[in-house]
Structures are given as C-alpha cells and as structure tokens.
C-alpha atoms as a PDB file:
ATOM      1  CA  MET A   1      22.405  16.713  -6.806  1.00  0.00           C
ATOM      2  CA  GLY A   2      21.413  18.590  -3.712  1.00  0.00           C
ATOM      3  CA  LEU A   3      20.999  21.909  -2.065  1.00  0.00           C
ATOM      4  CA  PHE A   4      24.065  24.163  -2.510  1.00  0.00           C
ATOM      5  CA  ASP A   5      25.643  21.554  -4.804  1.00  0.00           C
ATOM      6  CA  GLY A   6      29.424  21.871  -5.020  1.00  0.00           C
ATOM      7  CA  THR A   7      29.816  24.201  -2.035  1.00  0.00           C
ATOM      8  CA  PRO A   8      30.885  23.492   1.558  1.00  0.00           C
ATOM      9  CA  LEU A   9      27.198  23.851   2.535  1.00  0.00           C
ATOM     10  CA  GLU A  10      26.097  20.994   0.271  1.00  0.00           C
ATOM     11  CA  ARG A  11      23.243  18.916   1.718  1.00  0.00           C
ATOM     12  CA  PRO A  12      21.156  16.209   0.088  1.00  0.00           C
ATOM     13  CA  ILE A  13      17.467  16.807  -0.645  1.00  0.00           C
ATOM     14  CA  THR A  14      15.476  15.108   2.121  1.00  0.00           C
ATOM     15  CA  CYS A  15      11.966  13.705   2.448  1.00  0.00           C
ATOM     16  CA  GLU A  16       9.505  15.974   4.252  1.00  0.00           C
ATOM     17  CA  HIS A  17       8.072  13.004   6.166  1.00  0.00           C
ATOM     18  CA  CYS A  18      11.018  10.863   7.298  1.00  0.00           C
ATOM     19  CA  ARG A  19      13.856  13.403   6.820  1.00  0.00           C
ATOM     20  CA  LYS A  20      16.036  10.828   4.988  1.00  0.00           C
ATOM     21  CA  PRO A  21      17.814  11.659   1.703  1.00  0.00           C
ATOM     22  CA  LEU A  22      15.678  11.051  -1.402  1.00  0.00           C
ATOM     23  CA  ASP A  23      18.562   9.668  -3.442  1.00  0.00           C
ATOM     24  CA  GLY A  24      20.914   8.249  -0.813  1.00  0.00           C
ATOM     25  CA  ALA A  25      22.295   4.760  -0.454  1.00  0.00           C
ATOM     26  CA  ASP A  26      19.876   1.885   0.162  1.00  0.00           C
ATOM     27  CA  GLY A  27      20.484   1.931   3.926  1.00  0.00           C
ATOM     28  CA  ASP A  28      19.576   5.577   4.546  1.00  0.00           C
ATOM     29  CA  ARG A  29      17.403   6.352   1.515  1.00  0.00           C
ATOM     30  CA  CYS A  30      13.772   7.457   1.860  1.00  0.00           C
ATOM     31  CA  LEU A  31      11.364   4.556   1.347  1.00  0.00           C
ATOM     32  CA  CYS A  32       8.140   6.514   1.801  1.00  0.00           C
ATOM     33  CA  PRO A  33       5.495   5.568  -0.796  1.00  0.00           C
ATOM     34  CA  ARG A  34       5.199   8.027  -3.682  1.00  0.00           C
ATOM     35  CA  ASP A  35       3.004   8.201  -6.769  1.00  0.00           C
ATOM     36  CA  ALA A  36       4.287   8.532 -10.361  1.00  0.00           C
ATOM     37  CA  ALA A  37       4.683  12.318  -9.986  1.00  0.00           C
ATOM     38  CA  GLY A  38       6.824  11.889  -6.858  1.00  0.00           C
ATOM     39  CA  VAL A  39       4.135  13.144  -4.475  1.00  0.00           C
ATOM     40  CA  LEU A  40       4.149  11.510  -1.046  1.00  0.00           C
ATOM     41  CA  ARG A  41       1.280   8.993  -0.644  1.00  0.00           C
ATOM     42  CA  LEU A  42       0.906   8.003   2.999  1.00  0.00           C
ATOM     43  CA  PRO A  43      -1.498   5.219   4.024  1.00  0.00           C
ATOM     44  CA  ARG A  44      -3.904   7.746   5.569  1.00  0.00           C
ATOM     45  CA  ASP A  45      -4.234   9.380   2.127  1.00  0.00           C
ATOM     46  CA  GLN A  46      -5.436   6.139   0.541  1.00  0.00           C
ATOM     47  CA  HIS A  47      -8.975   4.819   0.911  1.00  0.00           C
ATOM     48  CA  PRO A  48      -9.097   1.087   0.197  1.00  0.00           C
ATOM     49  CA  ARG A  49     -12.458  -0.674   0.002  1.00  0.00           C
ATOM     50  CA  VAL A  50     -12.811  -4.195   1.343  1.00  0.00           C
ATOM     51  CA  ARG A  51     -15.663  -6.292   0.014  1.00  0.00           C
ATOM     52  CA  ARG A  52     -16.617  -9.930  -0.058  1.00  0.00           C
ATOM     53  CA  GLU A  53     -18.071 -11.880  -2.911  1.00  0.00           C
ATOM     54  CA  LYS A  54     -18.725 -15.458  -3.850  1.00  0.00           C
ATOM     55  CA  ARG A  55     -16.409 -16.931  -6.428  1.00  0.00           C
ATOM     56  CA  ARG A  56     -16.936 -20.495  -7.576  1.00  0.00           C
ATOM     57  CA  GLY A  57     -19.256 -21.076  -4.612  1.00  0.00           C
ATOM     58  CA  LYS A  58     -16.786 -19.902  -1.964  1.00  0.00           C
ATOM     59  CA  TRP A  59     -16.349 -16.559  -0.215  1.00  0.00           C
ATOM     60  CA  SER A  60     -13.465 -14.285  -1.194  1.00  0.00           C
ATOM     61  CA  THR A  61     -12.342 -11.000   0.340  1.00  0.00           C
ATOM     62  CA  ILE A  62     -11.323  -8.366  -2.216  1.00  0.00           C
ATOM     63  CA  ILE A  63      -9.268  -5.281  -1.307  1.00  0.00           C
ATOM     64  CA  SER A  64      -9.281  -2.561  -3.958  1.00  0.00           C
ATOM     65  CA  GLY A  65      -8.565   1.150  -4.070  1.00  0.00           C
ATOM     66  CA  LEU A  66      -4.878   1.075  -3.210  1.00  0.00           C
ATOM     67  CA  ASP A  67      -2.882   3.588  -5.225  1.00  0.00           C
ATOM     68  CA  ASP A  68      -1.459   1.991  -8.374  1.00  0.00           C
ATOM     69  CA  ALA A  69       1.462   4.367  -8.739  1.00  0.00           C
ATOM     70  CA  ALA A  70       2.641   4.304  -5.126  1.00  0.00           C
ATOM     71  CA  SER A  71       5.639   2.078  -4.722  1.00  0.00           C
ATOM     72  CA  GLY A  72       7.701   0.800  -1.849  1.00  0.00           C
ATOM     73  CA  GLY A  73       6.914   1.191   1.818  1.00  0.00           C
ATOM     74  CA  VAL A  74       3.573   0.039   3.113  1.00  0.00           C
ATOM     75  CA  THR A  75       1.696   0.283  -0.178  1.00  0.00           C
ATOM     76  CA  ASP A  76       3.745  -2.464  -1.763  1.00  0.00           C
ATOM     77  CA  ARG A  77       0.914  -4.822  -2.687  1.00  0.00           C
ATOM     78  CA  LYS A  78       2.935  -8.032  -2.484  1.00  0.00           C
ATOM     79  CA  ALA A  79       4.259  -7.204   0.989  1.00  0.00           C
ATOM     80  CA  LEU A  80       0.795  -6.140   2.178  1.00  0.00           C
ATOM     81  CA  LEU A  81      -0.723  -9.334   0.775  1.00  0.00           C
ATOM     82  CA  LYS A  82       1.882 -11.449   2.536  1.00  0.00           C
ATOM     83  CA  THR A  83       1.229  -9.644   5.820  1.00  0.00           C
ATOM     84  CA  LEU A  84      -2.521 -10.199   5.541  1.00  0.00           C
ATOM     85  CA  ARG A  85      -2.152 -13.848   4.530  1.00  0.00           C
ATOM     86  CA  THR A  86       0.112 -14.664   7.471  1.00  0.00           C
ATOM     87  CA  THR A  87      -1.979 -12.637   9.927  1.00  0.00           C
ATOM     88  CA  LEU A  88      -5.239 -14.304   8.878  1.00  0.00           C
ATOM     89  CA  GLY A  89      -3.784 -17.719   8.094  1.00  0.00           C
ATOM     90  CA  THR A  90      -5.316 -17.920   4.637  1.00  0.00           C
ATOM     91  CA  GLY A  91      -4.335 -18.014   0.987  1.00  0.00           C
ATOM     92  CA  GLY A  92      -4.692 -15.317  -1.604  1.00  0.00           C
ATOM     93  CA  GLY A  93      -3.135 -13.466  -4.484  1.00  0.00           C
ATOM     94  CA  LEU A  94      -3.143 -10.444  -6.763  1.00  0.00           C
ATOM     95  CA  ALA A  95      -5.674 -10.239  -9.573  1.00  0.00           C
ATOM     96  CA  THR A  96      -7.222  -7.723 -11.954  1.00  0.00           C
ATOM     97  CA  THR A  97     -10.785  -6.849 -10.989  1.00  0.00           C
ATOM     98  CA  LYS A  98     -13.709  -7.069 -13.403  1.00  0.00           C
ATOM     99  CA  ASP A  99     -15.085  -3.562 -12.864  1.00  0.00           C
ATOM    100  CA  ASN A 100     -11.806  -1.694 -13.390  1.00  0.00           C
ATOM    101  CA  ASP A 101      -8.374  -2.576 -14.671  1.00  0.00           C
ATOM    102  CA  THR A 102      -6.502  -2.219 -11.387  1.00  0.00           C
ATOM    103  CA  ASP A 103      -4.890  -4.931  -9.356  1.00  0.00           C
ATOM    104  CA  ALA A 104      -6.748  -6.040  -6.267  1.00  0.00           C
ATOM    105  CA  LEU A 105      -5.696  -8.185  -3.336  1.00  0.00           C
ATOM    106  CA  ILE A 106      -7.832 -11.305  -3.057  1.00  0.00           C
ATOM    107  CA  LEU A 107      -7.941 -13.427   0.078  1.00  0.00           C
ATOM    108  CA  GLN A 108      -9.639 -16.787   0.385  1.00  0.00           C
ATOM    109  CA  GLY A 109     -12.552 -16.780   2.816  1.00  0.00           C
ATOM    110  CA  ASP A 110     -14.750 -14.146   4.418  1.00  0.00           C
ATOM    111  CA  HIS A 111     -12.275 -11.945   6.349  1.00  0.00           C
ATOM    112  CA  ARG A 112     -13.758  -8.533   5.551  1.00  0.00           C
ATOM    113  CA  ASP A 113     -14.082  -7.225   9.107  1.00  0.00           C
ATOM    114  CA  ALA A 114     -10.657  -8.499  10.181  1.00  0.00           C
ATOM    115  CA  VAL A 115      -9.000  -6.980   7.092  1.00  0.00           C
ATOM    116  CA  VAL A 116     -10.661  -3.589   7.673  1.00  0.00           C
ATOM    117  CA  LYS A 117      -9.507  -3.635  11.298  1.00  0.00           C
ATOM    118  CA  HIS A 118      -5.942  -4.597  10.332  1.00  0.00           C
ATOM    119  CA  LEU A 119      -5.721  -1.945   7.585  1.00  0.00           C
ATOM    120  CA  CYS A 120      -7.011   0.734   9.971  1.00  0.00           C
ATOM    121  CA  GLU A 121      -4.326  -0.272  12.494  1.00  0.00           C
ATOM    122  CA  MET A 122      -1.723   0.151   9.721  1.00  0.00           C
ATOM    123  CA  GLY A 123      -2.905   3.713   9.112  1.00  0.00           C
ATOM    124  CA  TYR A 124      -5.151   3.260   6.064  1.00  0.00           C
ATOM    125  CA  SER A 125      -8.648   4.738   6.115  1.00  0.00           C
ATOM    126  CA  ALA A 126     -10.248   1.475   4.972  1.00  0.00           C
ATOM    127  CA  LYS A 127     -13.971   0.875   4.803  1.00  0.00           C
ATOM    128  CA  ALA A 128     -16.100  -2.204   4.322  1.00  0.00           C
ATOM    129  CA  ALA A 129     -18.059  -2.213   1.080  1.00  0.00           C
ATOM    130  CA  GLY A 130     -21.000  -4.283   0.001  1.00  0.00           C
ATOM    131  CA  GLY A 131     -23.421  -6.245   2.131  1.00  0.00           C
END
C-alpha cells in the first residue's frame, strides 16, 4: 500500500529520515529504530544512563534507559552489547534491573567513562550516573 495506490503515479511510503521504503524488501527497507507506535526513535532522542556498582565484590557497568519499544538499527540491545563487549574486551549480558522492570546492559568491570564516550560517539546523549 502506498501513495496513489493502483495508479501510474504509485510510490511506496518512505521513511522521513533515510528515505527508504517502510515496507520494502529486506535489502532496501527502512531499518531506522521505531517505538511501538511507529514513531522514529533516533539515538539522539534516547538518554541512556551509565552507572557502576559492585556485584558479588566486583565492579559492573550498567547501561539503562534505552527505549524498550525501539527495535532494529542501533538500539538493538544485543547488537549494542556485542559492540561494547568487543570494543572494551570484556564480558557482559542483558539483565533485568532491580529498580525497574526494564532490560539493562551489564558489562563486567568498571568501564563507565569509556562506555559513555563510545555511546556519545554513536549519537546517544549518554550521561554517567552515580559516584
């Protein structure tokens, strides 16, 4: 379904950010992150918080505040976690935080400053939280 559907002027509906069709084939389909309502959620619109805390006597870096409903693109948590793990050379995983029921990215070790710097380079407006 597109603009002027069924006429010689038929064009697919395109993304306002990348100008690719919203419902095209996998190769030329829009992969921009969107929330559940279909609203575009760019990294600059998200404000993740990066904090460190001791767990079982060792430091952990916790990244929370990424949009739950955004999917695909750069807000894909598993892809972002893999990028951070390989960049920092550390282990980590996804877990549910104690204070709220959202998934957070957890990295082993105290990498708060490096994670904030890397997220800012990716376009997120990340801030360090805690002490």
